[in-house]
Amino acid sequence: MRGLRDNLQLGDVIQIDFLDHVQDSTDGPLECSVYGSLTDIGDNYFTVTSWQGCDDNTTTFTIITSCISSLVVFKPNVIIKIDSPEADDETHCGGQSITPNPVTDTSE
């Protein structure tokens, strides 16, 4: 993870997959994931803020780097295009029907 630190910046939006301990486990450690903003880079840990509301309404996770199995950095201005043949059909939008629901549709 040392080389990775050189490519990370505070504020990066990341996904970390990591192994966590499990009490009384017979299957070994648990594979976990956390998504959020990178808010601290320590010598042997990263801190991710997955929810940031007001001052005292935040959720953070500090992950020991030796437990990280995967780390993805989501860069801005990256566009993912998903082609769907149904998207060209006038009755579908992204695979979801846009046919009016007579019970709840109030448009005229």
PDB file of N, CA and C in Angstrom:
ATOM      1  N   MET A   1       0.807  -1.200   0.000  1.00  0.00           N
ATOM      2  CA  MET A   1       0.000   0.000   0.000  1.00  0.00           C
ATOM      3  C   MET A   1       0.855   1.271   0.000  1.00  0.00           C
ATOM      4  N   ARG A   2       2.162   1.137   0.216  1.00  0.00           N
ATOM      5  CA  ARG A   2       3.007   2.329   0.256  1.00  0.00           C
ATOM      6  C   ARG A   2       2.959   3.103  -1.053  1.00  0.00           C
ATOM      7  N   GLY A   3       3.086   2.429  -2.197  1.00  0.00           N
ATOM      8  CA  GLY A   3       3.032   3.105  -3.483  1.00  0.00           C
ATOM      9  C   GLY A   3       1.677   3.716  -3.763  1.00  0.00           C
ATOM     10  N   LEU A   4       0.651   3.098  -3.236  1.00  0.00           N
ATOM     11  CA  LEU A   4      -0.700   3.591  -3.433  1.00  0.00           C
ATOM     12  C   LEU A   4      -0.897   4.951  -2.778  1.00  0.00           C
ATOM     13  N   ARG A   5      -0.288   5.160  -1.624  1.00  0.00           N
ATOM     14  CA  ARG A   5      -0.422   6.434  -0.911  1.00  0.00           C
ATOM     15  C   ARG A   5      -0.033   7.615  -1.787  1.00  0.00           C
ATOM     16  N   ASP A   6       0.949   7.410  -2.673  1.00  0.00           N
ATOM     17  CA  ASP A   6       1.410   8.483  -3.542  1.00  0.00           C
ATOM     18  C   ASP A   6       0.341   8.905  -4.543  1.00  0.00           C
ATOM     19  N   ASN A   7      -0.605   8.015  -4.838  1.00  0.00           N
ATOM     20  CA  ASN A   7      -1.653   8.305  -5.820  1.00  0.00           C
ATOM     21  C   ASN A   7      -2.986   8.682  -5.187  1.00  0.00           C
ATOM     22  N   LEU A   8      -3.056   8.713  -3.873  1.00  0.00           N
ATOM     23  CA  LEU A   8      -4.291   9.068  -3.180  1.00  0.00           C
ATOM     24  C   LEU A   8      -4.228  10.502  -2.683  1.00  0.00           C
ATOM     25  N   GLN A   9      -5.387  11.139  -2.672  1.00  0.00           N
ATOM     26  CA  GLN A   9      -5.488  12.491  -2.130  1.00  0.00           C
ATOM     27  C   GLN A   9      -6.669  12.536  -1.179  1.00  0.00           C
ATOM     28  N   LEU A  10      -6.538  13.329  -0.138  1.00  0.00           N
ATOM     29  CA  LEU A  10      -7.675  13.531   0.748  1.00  0.00           C
ATOM     30  C   LEU A  10      -8.842  14.058  -0.083  1.00  0.00           C
ATOM     31  N   GLY A  11     -10.015  13.520   0.168  1.00  0.00           N
ATOM     32  CA  GLY A  11     -11.198  13.908  -0.580  1.00  0.00           C
ATOM     33  C   GLY A  11     -11.532  12.967  -1.718  1.00  0.00           C
ATOM     34  N   ASP A  12     -10.590  12.083  -2.104  1.00  0.00           N
ATOM     35  CA  ASP A  12     -10.905  11.090  -3.131  1.00  0.00           C
ATOM     36  C   ASP A  12     -12.095  10.252  -2.690  1.00  0.00           C
ATOM     37  N   VAL A  13     -12.955   9.929  -3.632  1.00  0.00           N
ATOM     38  CA  VAL A  13     -14.064   9.022  -3.352  1.00  0.00           C
ATOM     39  C   VAL A  13     -13.561   7.618  -3.669  1.00  0.00           C
ATOM     40  N   ILE A  14     -13.631   6.745  -2.665  1.00  0.00           N
ATOM     41  CA  ILE A  14     -13.015   5.426  -2.789  1.00  0.00           C
ATOM     42  C   ILE A  14     -13.937   4.315  -2.306  1.00  0.00           C
ATOM     43  N   GLN A  15     -13.595   3.114  -2.721  1.00  0.00           N
ATOM     44  CA  GLN A  15     -14.192   1.885  -2.184  1.00  0.00           C
ATOM     45  C   GLN A  15     -13.034   1.049  -1.665  1.00  0.00           C
ATOM     46  N   ILE A  16     -13.130   0.623  -0.431  1.00  0.00           N
ATOM     47  CA  ILE A  16     -12.131  -0.269   0.146  1.00  0.00           C
ATOM     48  C   ILE A  16     -12.808  -1.589   0.494  1.00  0.00           C
ATOM     49  N   ASP A  17     -12.243  -2.678  -0.004  1.00  0.00           N
ATOM     50  CA  ASP A  17     -12.645  -4.027   0.413  1.00  0.00           C
ATOM     51  C   ASP A  17     -11.572  -4.489   1.381  1.00  0.00           C
ATOM     52  N   PHE A  18     -11.984  -4.999   2.523  1.00  0.00           N
ATOM     53  CA  PHE A  18     -11.015  -5.365   3.546  1.00  0.00           C
ATOM     54  C   PHE A  18     -11.501  -6.561   4.349  1.00  0.00           C
ATOM     55  N   LEU A  19     -10.563  -7.217   4.995  1.00  0.00           N
ATOM     56  CA  LEU A  19     -10.881  -8.333   5.879  1.00  0.00           C
ATOM     57  C   LEU A  19     -11.038  -7.810   7.297  1.00  0.00           C
ATOM     58  N   ASP A  20     -12.078  -8.275   7.973  1.00  0.00           N
ATOM     59  CA  ASP A  20     -12.335  -7.866   9.351  1.00  0.00           C
ATOM     60  C   ASP A  20     -12.436  -9.114  10.214  1.00  0.00           C
ATOM     61  N   HIS A  21     -12.095  -8.953  11.476  1.00  0.00           N
ATOM     62  CA  HIS A  21     -12.170 -10.096  12.382  1.00  0.00           C
ATOM     63  C   HIS A  21     -13.632 -10.409  12.705  1.00  0.00           C
ATOM     64  N   VAL A  22     -13.886 -11.664  13.032  1.00  0.00           N
ATOM     65  CA  VAL A  22     -15.223 -12.109  13.384  1.00  0.00           C
ATOM     66  C   VAL A  22     -15.106 -12.969  14.633  1.00  0.00           C
ATOM     67  N   GLN A  23     -15.853 -12.615  15.661  1.00  0.00           N
ATOM     68  CA  GLN A  23     -15.812 -13.389  16.898  1.00  0.00           C
ATOM     69  C   GLN A  23     -16.442 -14.755  16.683  1.00  0.00           C
ATOM     70  N   ASP A  24     -15.802 -15.774  17.182  1.00  0.00           N
ATOM     71  CA  ASP A  24     -16.290 -17.156  17.134  1.00  0.00           C
ATOM     72  C   ASP A  24     -16.531 -17.668  15.714  1.00  0.00           C
ATOM     73  N   SER A  25     -15.801 -17.160  14.735  1.00  0.00           N
ATOM     74  CA  SER A  25     -15.985 -17.577  13.353  1.00  0.00           C
ATOM     75  C   SER A  25     -15.333 -18.929  13.105  1.00  0.00           C
ATOM     76  N   THR A  26     -15.997 -19.740  12.315  1.00  0.00           N
ATOM     77  CA  THR A  26     -15.394 -20.993  11.864  1.00  0.00           C
ATOM     78  C   THR A  26     -14.966 -20.877  10.402  1.00  0.00           C
ATOM     79  N   ASP A  27     -15.283 -19.740   9.767  1.00  0.00           N
ATOM     80  CA  ASP A  27     -14.987 -19.538   8.343  1.00  0.00           C
ATOM     81  C   ASP A  27     -13.909 -18.492   8.102  1.00  0.00           C
ATOM     82  N   GLY A  28     -13.204 -18.052   9.135  1.00  0.00           N
ATOM     83  CA  GLY A  28     -12.162 -17.049   8.954  1.00  0.00           C
ATOM     84  C   GLY A  28     -12.711 -15.639   8.980  1.00  0.00           C
ATOM     85  N   PRO A  29     -11.899 -14.679   8.531  1.00  0.00           N
ATOM     86  CA  PRO A  29     -12.319 -13.279   8.589  1.00  0.00           C
ATOM     87  C   PRO A  29     -13.456 -12.990   7.608  1.00  0.00           C
ATOM     88  N   LEU A  30     -14.107 -11.864   7.824  1.00  0.00           N
ATOM     89  CA  LEU A  30     -15.252 -11.439   7.020  1.00  0.00           C
ATOM     90  C   LEU A  30     -14.793 -10.420   5.992  1.00  0.00           C
ATOM     91  N   GLU A  31     -15.183 -10.598   4.732  1.00  0.00           N
ATOM     92  CA  GLU A  31     -14.886  -9.628   3.672  1.00  0.00           C
ATOM     93  C   GLU A  31     -15.910  -8.501   3.768  1.00  0.00           C
ATOM     94  N   CYS A  32     -15.424  -7.272   3.941  1.00  0.00           N
ATOM     95  CA  CYS A  32     -16.286  -6.105   4.103  1.00  0.00           C
ATOM     96  C   CYS A  32     -15.931  -5.053   3.060  1.00  0.00           C
ATOM     97  N   SER A  33     -16.845  -4.114   2.820  1.00  0.00           N
ATOM     98  CA  SER A  33     -16.605  -3.004   1.907  1.00  0.00           C
ATOM     99  C   SER A  33     -17.089  -1.721   2.549  1.00  0.00           C
ATOM    100  N   VAL A  34     -16.383  -0.636   2.243  1.00  0.00           N
ATOM    101  CA  VAL A  34     -16.815   0.689   2.673  1.00  0.00           C
ATOM    102  C   VAL A  34     -16.585   1.647   1.506  1.00  0.00           C
ATOM    103  N   TYR A  35     -17.545   2.543   1.306  1.00  0.00           N
ATOM    104  CA  TYR A  35     -17.473   3.555   0.260  1.00  0.00           C
ATOM    105  C   TYR A  35     -17.511   4.914   0.931  1.00  0.00           C
ATOM    106  N   GLY A  36     -16.791   5.872   0.373  1.00  0.00           N
ATOM    107  CA  GLY A  36     -16.881   7.218   0.903  1.00  0.00           C
ATOM    108  C   GLY A  36     -15.698   8.077   0.503  1.00  0.00           C
ATOM    109  N   SER A  37     -15.539   9.154   1.241  1.00  0.00           N
ATOM    110  CA  SER A  37     -14.485  10.126   0.985  1.00  0.00           C
ATOM    111  C   SER A  37     -13.283   9.832   1.876  1.00  0.00           C
ATOM    112  N   LEU A  38     -12.106   9.825   1.283  1.00  0.00           N
ATOM    113  CA  LEU A  38     -10.878   9.593   2.042  1.00  0.00           C
ATOM    114  C   LEU A  38     -10.585  10.834   2.881  1.00  0.00           C
ATOM    115  N   THR A  39     -10.609  10.684   4.207  1.00  0.00           N
ATOM    116  CA  THR A  39     -10.454  11.851   5.084  1.00  0.00           C
ATOM    117  C   THR A  39      -9.181  11.832   5.914  1.00  0.00           C
ATOM    118  N   ASP A  40      -8.445  10.707   5.925  1.00  0.00           N
ATOM    119  CA  ASP A  40      -7.175  10.665   6.649  1.00  0.00           C
ATOM    120  C   ASP A  40      -6.321   9.539   6.077  1.00  0.00           C
ATOM    121  N   ILE A  41      -5.033   9.818   5.959  1.00  0.00           N
ATOM    122  CA  ILE A  41      -4.071   8.822   5.501  1.00  0.00           C
ATOM    123  C   ILE A  41      -2.995   8.721   6.575  1.00  0.00           C
ATOM    124  N   GLY A  42      -2.992   7.609   7.300  1.00  0.00           N
ATOM    125  CA  GLY A  42      -2.000   7.404   8.343  1.00  0.00           C
ATOM    126  C   GLY A  42      -0.875   6.509   7.869  1.00  0.00           C
ATOM    127  N   ASP A  43       0.068   6.240   8.755  1.00  0.00           N
ATOM    128  CA  ASP A  43       1.183   5.367   8.396  1.00  0.00           C
ATOM    129  C   ASP A  43       0.723   3.949   8.085  1.00  0.00           C
ATOM    130  N   ASN A  44      -0.322   3.479   8.786  1.00  0.00           N
ATOM    131  CA  ASN A  44      -0.787   2.108   8.562  1.00  0.00           C
ATOM    132  C   ASN A  44      -2.313   2.009   8.475  1.00  0.00           C
ATOM    133  N   TYR A  45      -2.969   3.112   8.117  1.00  0.00           N
ATOM    134  CA  TYR A  45      -4.432   3.096   8.021  1.00  0.00           C
ATOM    135  C   TYR A  45      -4.931   4.170   7.059  1.00  0.00           C
ATOM    136  N   PHE A  46      -6.169   3.986   6.600  1.00  0.00           N
ATOM    137  CA  PHE A  46      -6.919   4.999   5.863  1.00  0.00           C
ATOM    138  C   PHE A  46      -8.224   5.218   6.613  1.00  0.00           C
ATOM    139  N   THR A  47      -8.699   6.450   6.652  1.00  0.00           N
ATOM    140  CA  THR A  47     -10.009   6.737   7.225  1.00  0.00           C
ATOM    141  C   THR A  47     -10.930   7.208   6.106  1.00  0.00           C
ATOM    142  N   VAL A  48     -12.110   6.594   6.054  1.00  0.00           N
ATOM    143  CA  VAL A  48     -13.113   6.898   5.045  1.00  0.00           C
ATOM    144  C   VAL A  48     -14.345   7.427   5.755  1.00  0.00           C
ATOM    145  N   THR A  49     -14.856   8.557   5.287  1.00  0.00           N
ATOM    146  CA  THR A  49     -16.111   9.096   5.799  1.00  0.00           C
ATOM    147  C   THR A  49     -17.198   8.704   4.816  1.00  0.00           C
ATOM    148  N   SER A  50     -18.075   7.811   5.256  1.00  0.00           N
ATOM    149  CA  SER A  50     -19.114   7.314   4.362  1.00  0.00           C
ATOM    150  C   SER A  50     -20.388   8.145   4.446  1.00  0.00           C
ATOM    151  N   TRP A  51     -20.528   8.900   5.500  1.00  0.00           N
ATOM    152  CA  TRP A  51     -21.689   9.789   5.638  1.00  0.00           C
ATOM    153  C   TRP A  51     -21.229  11.038   6.345  1.00  0.00           C
ATOM    154  N   GLN A  52     -21.542  12.184   5.756  1.00  0.00           N
ATOM    155  CA  GLN A  52     -21.174  13.438   6.406  1.00  0.00           C
ATOM    156  C   GLN A  52     -22.374  14.363   6.363  1.00  0.00           C
ATOM    157  N   GLY A  53     -23.069  14.421   7.480  1.00  0.00           N
ATOM    158  CA  GLY A  53     -24.203  15.321   7.616  1.00  0.00           C
ATOM    159  C   GLY A  53     -23.713  16.619   8.217  1.00  0.00           C
ATOM    160  N   CYS A  54     -24.257  16.997   9.353  1.00  0.00           N
ATOM    161  CA  CYS A  54     -23.757  18.189  10.037  1.00  0.00           C
ATOM    162  C   CYS A  54     -22.582  17.805  10.945  1.00  0.00           C
ATOM    163  N   ASP A  55     -22.121  18.717  11.759  1.00  0.00           N
ATOM    164  CA  ASP A  55     -20.880  18.552  12.520  1.00  0.00           C
ATOM    165  C   ASP A  55     -20.779  17.235  13.286  1.00  0.00           C
ATOM    166  N   ASP A  56     -21.811  16.870  14.016  1.00  0.00           N
ATOM    167  CA  ASP A  56     -21.724  15.670  14.848  1.00  0.00           C
ATOM    168  C   ASP A  56     -22.503  14.494  14.251  1.00  0.00           C
ATOM    169  N   ASN A  57     -22.816  14.566  12.963  1.00  0.00           N
ATOM    170  CA  ASN A  57     -23.585  13.523  12.302  1.00  0.00           C
ATOM    171  C   ASN A  57     -22.759  12.948  11.157  1.00  0.00           C
ATOM    172  N   THR A  58     -21.696  12.210  11.509  1.00  0.00           N
ATOM    173  CA  THR A  58     -20.839  11.592  10.502  1.00  0.00           C
ATOM    174  C   THR A  58     -20.624  10.125  10.845  1.00  0.00           C
ATOM    175  N   THR A  59     -20.293   9.358   9.830  1.00  0.00           N
ATOM    176  CA  THR A  59     -19.918   7.964  10.028  1.00  0.00           C
ATOM    177  C   THR A  59     -18.573   7.761   9.358  1.00  0.00           C
ATOM    178  N   THR A  60     -17.580   7.334  10.125  1.00  0.00           N
ATOM    179  CA  THR A  60     -16.248   7.116   9.577  1.00  0.00           C
ATOM    180  C   THR A  60     -15.795   5.692   9.868  1.00  0.00           C
ATOM    181  N   PHE A  61     -14.919   5.208   9.009  1.00  0.00           N
ATOM    182  CA  PHE A  61     -14.322   3.888   9.171  1.00  0.00           C
ATOM    183  C   PHE A  61     -12.825   4.040   9.019  1.00  0.00           C
ATOM    184  N   THR A  62     -12.061   3.551   9.975  1.00  0.00           N
ATOM    185  CA  THR A  62     -10.605   3.540   9.880  1.00  0.00           C
ATOM    186  C   THR A  62     -10.184   2.109   9.607  1.00  0.00           C
ATOM    187  N   ILE A  63      -9.530   1.911   8.470  1.00  0.00           N
ATOM    188  CA  ILE A  63      -9.183   0.580   7.989  1.00  0.00           C
ATOM    189  C   ILE A  63      -7.668   0.420   8.021  1.00  0.00           C
ATOM    190  N   ILE A  64      -7.190  -0.633   8.664  1.00  0.00           N
ATOM    191  CA  ILE A  64      -5.759  -0.946   8.713  1.00  0.00           C
ATOM    192  C   ILE A  64      -5.328  -1.393   7.313  1.00  0.00           C
ATOM    193  N   THR A  65      -4.273  -0.786   6.774  1.00  0.00           N
ATOM    194  CA  THR A  65      -3.878  -1.056   5.386  1.00  0.00           C
ATOM    195  C   THR A  65      -3.505  -2.511   5.140  1.00  0.00           C
ATOM    196  N   SER A  66      -2.968  -3.204   6.121  1.00  0.00           N
ATOM    197  CA  SER A  66      -2.585  -4.607   5.909  1.00  0.00           C
ATOM    198  C   SER A  66      -3.807  -5.510   5.729  1.00  0.00           C
ATOM    199  N   CYS A  67      -4.998  -5.031   6.062  1.00  0.00           N
ATOM    200  CA  CYS A  67      -6.229  -5.818   5.903  1.00  0.00           C
ATOM    201  C   CYS A  67      -6.934  -5.538   4.581  1.00  0.00           C
ATOM    202  N   ILE A  68      -6.452  -4.561   3.806  1.00  0.00           N
ATOM    203  CA  ILE A  68      -7.115  -4.171   2.563  1.00  0.00           C
ATOM    204  C   ILE A  68      -6.826  -5.195   1.474  1.00  0.00           C
ATOM    205  N   SER A  69      -7.906  -5.696   0.853  1.00  0.00           N
ATOM    206  CA  SER A  69      -7.755  -6.628  -0.256  1.00  0.00           C
ATOM    207  C   SER A  69      -7.943  -5.932  -1.602  1.00  0.00           C
ATOM    208  N   SER A  70      -8.638  -4.790  -1.620  1.00  0.00           N
ATOM    209  CA  SER A  70      -8.872  -4.055  -2.857  1.00  0.00           C
ATOM    210  C   SER A  70      -9.183  -2.603  -2.518  1.00  0.00           C
ATOM    211  N   LEU A  71      -8.727  -1.689  -3.369  1.00  0.00           N
ATOM    212  CA  LEU A  71      -9.042  -0.276  -3.204  1.00  0.00           C
ATOM    213  C   LEU A  71      -9.292   0.308  -4.587  1.00  0.00           C
ATOM    214  N   VAL A  72     -10.442   0.961  -4.745  1.00  0.00           N
ATOM    215  CA  VAL A  72     -10.821   1.584  -6.013  1.00  0.00           C
ATOM    216  C   VAL A  72     -10.997   3.072  -5.765  1.00  0.00           C
ATOM    217  N   VAL A  73     -10.399   3.895  -6.633  1.00  0.00           N
ATOM    218  CA  VAL A  73     -10.575   5.342  -6.560  1.00  0.00           C
ATOM    219  C   VAL A  73     -11.503   5.741  -7.701  1.00  0.00           C
ATOM    220  N   PHE A  74     -12.606   6.395  -7.358  1.00  0.00           N
ATOM    221  CA  PHE A  74     -13.555   6.872  -8.359  1.00  0.00           C
ATOM    222  C   PHE A  74     -13.158   8.299  -8.730  1.00  0.00           C
ATOM    223  N   LYS A  75     -12.750   8.491  -9.955  1.00  0.00           N
ATOM    224  CA  LYS A  75     -12.296   9.800 -10.418  1.00  0.00           C
ATOM    225  C   LYS A  75     -13.463  10.566 -11.037  1.00  0.00           C
ATOM    226  N   PRO A  76     -13.501  11.891 -10.869  1.00  0.00           N
ATOM    227  CA  PRO A  76     -14.584  12.688 -11.461  1.00  0.00           C
ATOM    228  C   PRO A  76     -14.475  12.706 -12.983  1.00  0.00           C
ATOM    229  N   ASN A  77     -15.581  13.012 -13.615  1.00  0.00           N
ATOM    230  CA  ASN A  77     -15.673  13.138 -15.066  1.00  0.00           C
ATOM    231  C   ASN A  77     -15.437  11.827 -15.805  1.00  0.00           C
ATOM    232  N   VAL A  78     -15.666  10.712 -15.132  1.00  0.00           N
ATOM    233  CA  VAL A  78     -15.596   9.420 -15.796  1.00  0.00           C
ATOM    234  C   VAL A  78     -17.028   9.027 -16.132  1.00  0.00           C
ATOM    235  N   ILE A  79     -17.262   8.739 -17.393  1.00  0.00           N
ATOM    236  CA  ILE A  79     -18.608   8.400 -17.839  1.00  0.00           C
ATOM    237  C   ILE A  79     -18.656   6.914 -18.161  1.00  0.00           C
ATOM    238  N   ILE A  80     -19.624   6.231 -17.573  1.00  0.00           N
ATOM    239  CA  ILE A  80     -19.828   4.817 -17.863  1.00  0.00           C
ATOM    240  C   ILE A  80     -21.069   4.718 -18.735  1.00  0.00           C
ATOM    241  N   LYS A  81     -20.916   4.135 -19.904  1.00  0.00           N
ATOM    242  CA  LYS A  81     -22.033   3.999 -20.828  1.00  0.00           C
ATOM    243  C   LYS A  81     -22.506   2.556 -20.822  1.00  0.00           C
ATOM    244  N   ILE A  82     -23.786   2.376 -20.583  1.00  0.00           N
ATOM    245  CA  ILE A  82     -24.381   1.048 -20.603  1.00  0.00           C
ATOM    246  C   ILE A  82     -25.367   1.020 -21.759  1.00  0.00           C
ATOM    247  N   ASP A  83     -25.113   0.165 -22.733  1.00  0.00           N
ATOM    248  CA  ASP A  83     -26.011   0.042 -23.879  1.00  0.00           C
ATOM    249  C   ASP A  83     -27.099  -0.971 -23.573  1.00  0.00           C
ATOM    250  N   SER A  84     -28.330  -0.582 -23.846  1.00  0.00           N
ATOM    251  CA  SER A  84     -29.457  -1.473 -23.652  1.00  0.00           C
ATOM    252  C   SER A  84     -30.369  -1.351 -24.856  1.00  0.00           C
ATOM    253  N   PRO A  85     -30.675  -2.460 -25.540  1.00  0.00           N
ATOM    254  CA  PRO A  85     -31.580  -2.370 -26.681  1.00  0.00           C
ATOM    255  C   PRO A  85     -32.956  -1.867 -26.275  1.00  0.00           C
ATOM    256  N   GLU A  86     -33.356  -2.094 -25.026  1.00  0.00           N
ATOM    257  CA  GLU A  86     -34.661  -1.628 -24.568  1.00  0.00           C
ATOM    258  C   GLU A  86     -34.711  -0.119 -24.438  1.00  0.00           C
ATOM    259  N   ALA A  87     -33.562   0.544 -24.302  1.00  0.00           N
ATOM    260  CA  ALA A  87     -33.543   1.994 -24.141  1.00  0.00           C
ATOM    261  C   ALA A  87     -34.013   2.700 -25.406  1.00  0.00           C
ATOM    262  N   ASP A  88     -33.904   2.036 -26.562  1.00  0.00           N
ATOM    263  CA  ASP A  88     -34.353   2.639 -27.812  1.00  0.00           C
ATOM    264  C   ASP A  88     -35.840   2.434 -28.055  1.00  0.00           C
ATOM    265  N   ASP A  89     -36.449   1.558 -27.304  1.00  0.00           N
ATOM    266  CA  ASP A  89     -37.873   1.267 -27.435  1.00  0.00           C
ATOM    267  C   ASP A  89     -38.648   2.383 -26.738  1.00  0.00           C
ATOM    268  N   GLU A  90     -39.678   2.928 -27.394  1.00  0.00           N
ATOM    269  CA  GLU A  90     -40.400   4.070 -26.832  1.00  0.00           C
ATOM    270  C   GLU A  90     -41.163   3.738 -25.551  1.00  0.00           C
ATOM    271  N   THR A  91     -41.362   2.461 -25.240  1.00  0.00           N
ATOM    272  CA  THR A  91     -42.088   2.112 -24.026  1.00  0.00           C
ATOM    273  C   THR A  91     -41.152   1.793 -22.865  1.00  0.00           C
ATOM    274  N   HIS A  92     -39.842   1.922 -23.080  1.00  0.00           N
ATOM    275  CA  HIS A  92     -38.886   1.601 -22.029  1.00  0.00           C
ATOM    276  C   HIS A  92     -37.868   2.718 -21.880  1.00  0.00           C
ATOM    277  N   CYS A  93     -37.416   2.904 -20.700  1.00  0.00           N
ATOM    278  CA  CYS A  93     -36.354   3.866 -20.417  1.00  0.00           C
ATOM    279  C   CYS A  93     -35.359   3.181 -19.502  1.00  0.00           C
ATOM    280  N   GLY A  94     -34.209   2.798 -20.021  1.00  0.00           N
ATOM    281  CA  GLY A  94     -33.216   2.102 -19.210  1.00  0.00           C
ATOM    282  C   GLY A  94     -33.710   0.757 -18.712  1.00  0.00           C
ATOM    283  N   GLY A  95     -34.583   0.126 -19.478  1.00  0.00           N
ATOM    284  CA  GLY A  95     -35.065  -1.185 -19.082  1.00  0.00           C
ATOM    285  C   GLY A  95     -36.286  -1.136 -18.177  1.00  0.00           C
ATOM    286  N   GLN A  96     -36.733   0.068 -17.802  1.00  0.00           N
ATOM    287  CA  GLN A  96     -37.922   0.186 -16.965  1.00  0.00           C
ATOM    288  C   GLN A  96     -39.068   0.710 -17.804  1.00  0.00           C
ATOM    289  N   SER A  97     -40.235   0.152 -17.615  1.00  0.00           N
ATOM    290  CA  SER A  97     -41.388   0.562 -18.381  1.00  0.00           C
ATOM    291  C   SER A  97     -41.776   1.989 -18.031  1.00  0.00           C
ATOM    292  N   ILE A  98     -42.125   2.768 -19.065  1.00  0.00           N
ATOM    293  CA  ILE A  98     -42.629   4.119 -18.811  1.00  0.00           C
ATOM    294  C   ILE A  98     -44.102   4.210 -19.190  1.00  0.00           C
ATOM    295  N   THR A  99     -44.757   3.058 -19.319  1.00  0.00           N
ATOM    296  CA  THR A  99     -46.179   3.029 -19.595  1.00  0.00           C
ATOM    297  C   THR A  99     -46.915   3.630 -18.402  1.00  0.00           C
ATOM    298  N   PRO A 100     -47.839   4.576 -18.640  1.00  0.00           N
ATOM    299  CA  PRO A 100     -48.533   5.215 -17.515  1.00  0.00           C
ATOM    300  C   PRO A 100     -49.297   4.213 -16.656  1.00  0.00           C
ATOM    301  N   ASN A 101     -49.273   4.446 -15.375  1.00  0.00           N
ATOM    302  CA  ASN A 101     -50.039   3.641 -14.442  1.00  0.00           C
ATOM    303  C   ASN A 101     -51.375   4.345 -14.251  1.00  0.00           C
ATOM    304  N   PRO A 102     -52.487   3.742 -14.684  1.00  0.00           N
ATOM    305  CA  PRO A 102     -53.774   4.432 -14.621  1.00  0.00           C
ATOM    306  C   PRO A 102     -54.223   4.735 -13.191  1.00  0.00           C
ATOM    307  N   VAL A 103     -53.704   4.048 -12.215  1.00  0.00           N
ATOM    308  CA  VAL A 103     -54.129   4.272 -10.835  1.00  0.00           C
ATOM    309  C   VAL A 103     -53.443   5.488 -10.236  1.00  0.00           C
ATOM    310  N   THR A 104     -52.142   5.658 -10.509  1.00  0.00           N
ATOM    311  CA  THR A 104     -51.389   6.730  -9.844  1.00  0.00           C
ATOM    312  C   THR A 104     -50.994   7.863 -10.782  1.00  0.00           C
ATOM    313  N   ASP A 105     -51.126   7.681 -12.121  1.00  0.00           N
ATOM    314  CA  ASP A 105     -50.707   8.714 -13.045  1.00  0.00           C
ATOM    315  C   ASP A 105     -51.779   9.790 -13.138  1.00  0.00           C
ATOM    316  N   THR A 106     -51.409  11.029 -12.784  1.00  0.00           N
ATOM    317  CA  THR A 106     -52.371  12.136 -12.825  1.00  0.00           C
ATOM    318  C   THR A 106     -52.103  13.069 -13.986  1.00  0.00           C
ATOM    319  N   SER A 107     -51.151  12.722 -14.858  1.00  0.00           N
ATOM    320  CA  SER A 107     -50.858  13.582 -16.009  1.00  0.00           C
ATOM    321  C   SER A 107     -51.973  13.463 -17.027  1.00  0.00           C
ATOM    322  N   GLU A 108     -52.088  14.467 -17.862  1.00  0.00           N
ATOM    323  CA  GLU A 108     -53.146  14.434 -18.873  1.00  0.00           C
ATOM    324  C   GLU A 108     -52.580  14.294 -20.246  1.00  0.00           C
TER     325      GLU A 108
END
